[in-house]
Amino acid sequence: MEAAGASLVDLVSTTTYVTDIDEYFKHVDVRMEYFGHAMPTSTTIEVRRLAQKELVVEVDAIAALG
């Protein structure tokens, strides 16, 4: 994003894939730390596993630049 001249405030949508939804909800404060009240539209989906077995979170993000 930085290379394209964007930052977190330019995010309009995120999709987060997690292998443990309960663990995800324990760390909502981290999202608030980075996004504050300007949180983009978001969807969180619990999955059995990700493409690499050692991963527990994957985030897909869309940003819009004026």
Protein backbone atom coordinates (compact mmCIF):
# COMPACT_ATOMS: atom_id res chain seq x y z
CA MET A 1 0.00 0.00 0.00
CA GLU A 2 2.78 2.40 0.90
CA ALA A 3 4.42 1.93 -2.50
CA ALA A 4 1.13 2.98 -4.12
CA GLY A 5 0.83 6.05 -1.89
CA ALA A 6 -1.88 4.54 0.32
CA SER A 7 -2.15 3.97 4.07
CA LEU A 8 -4.54 2.26 6.47
CA VAL A 9 -6.99 5.17 6.22
CA ASP A 10 -7.49 4.27 2.55
CA LEU A 11 -8.76 0.77 3.34
CA VAL A 12 -12.40 0.33 2.43
CA SER A 13 -12.79 -3.40 3.01
CA THR A 14 -11.02 -6.32 4.67
CA THR A 15 -11.72 -10.02 4.73
CA THR A 16 -9.97 -11.95 7.49
CA TYR A 17 -9.67 -15.71 7.45
CA VAL A 18 -8.86 -17.30 10.83
CA THR A 19 -8.41 -20.87 11.97
CA ASP A 20 -9.84 -20.11 15.46
CA ILE A 21 -12.60 -17.50 15.70
CA ASP A 22 -12.44 -17.48 19.51
CA GLU A 23 -8.77 -16.51 19.37
CA TYR A 24 -9.61 -13.77 16.86
CA PHE A 25 -12.13 -12.18 19.23
CA LYS A 26 -9.52 -12.11 22.02
CA HIS A 27 -7.48 -9.61 19.96
CA VAL A 28 -10.05 -7.12 18.69
CA ASP A 29 -8.17 -4.42 20.60
CA VAL A 30 -5.28 -4.76 18.13
CA ARG A 31 -7.60 -3.90 15.24
CA MET A 32 -8.88 -0.89 17.18
CA GLU A 33 -5.30 0.24 17.82
CA TYR A 34 -4.60 0.44 14.08
CA PHE A 35 -8.00 1.46 12.71
CA GLY A 36 -9.66 3.30 15.60
CA HIS A 37 -13.18 4.40 14.75
CA ALA A 38 -12.39 4.60 11.02
CA MET A 39 -12.57 0.83 10.68
CA PRO A 40 -13.21 -0.34 7.12
CA THR A 41 -16.05 -2.68 6.28
CA SER A 42 -14.87 -6.11 7.40
CA THR A 43 -15.80 -9.75 7.19
CA THR A 44 -14.24 -12.48 9.32
CA ILE A 45 -14.49 -16.12 8.34
CA GLU A 46 -13.37 -19.14 10.34
CA VAL A 47 -11.71 -21.77 8.17
CA ARG A 48 -10.37 -25.22 8.94
CA ARG A 49 -6.89 -24.28 7.74
CA LEU A 50 -5.04 -21.90 5.44
CA ALA A 51 -2.80 -22.64 2.45
CA GLN A 52 0.27 -22.90 4.68
CA LYS A 53 -0.44 -25.11 7.69
CA GLU A 54 1.53 -22.92 10.13
CA LEU A 55 -0.56 -19.81 9.37
CA VAL A 56 -3.53 -18.94 11.60
CA VAL A 57 -4.61 -15.60 10.03
CA GLU A 58 -4.84 -14.34 6.46
CA VAL A 59 -6.13 -10.87 5.56
CA ASP A 60 -7.34 -9.69 2.17
CA ALA A 61 -7.64 -5.89 1.96
CA ILE A 62 -8.99 -3.41 -0.59
CA ALA A 63 -7.94 0.22 -0.58
CA ALA A 64 -9.31 3.09 -2.64
CA LEU A 65 -7.28 6.09 -3.67
CA GLY A 66 -8.86 9.35 -4.80
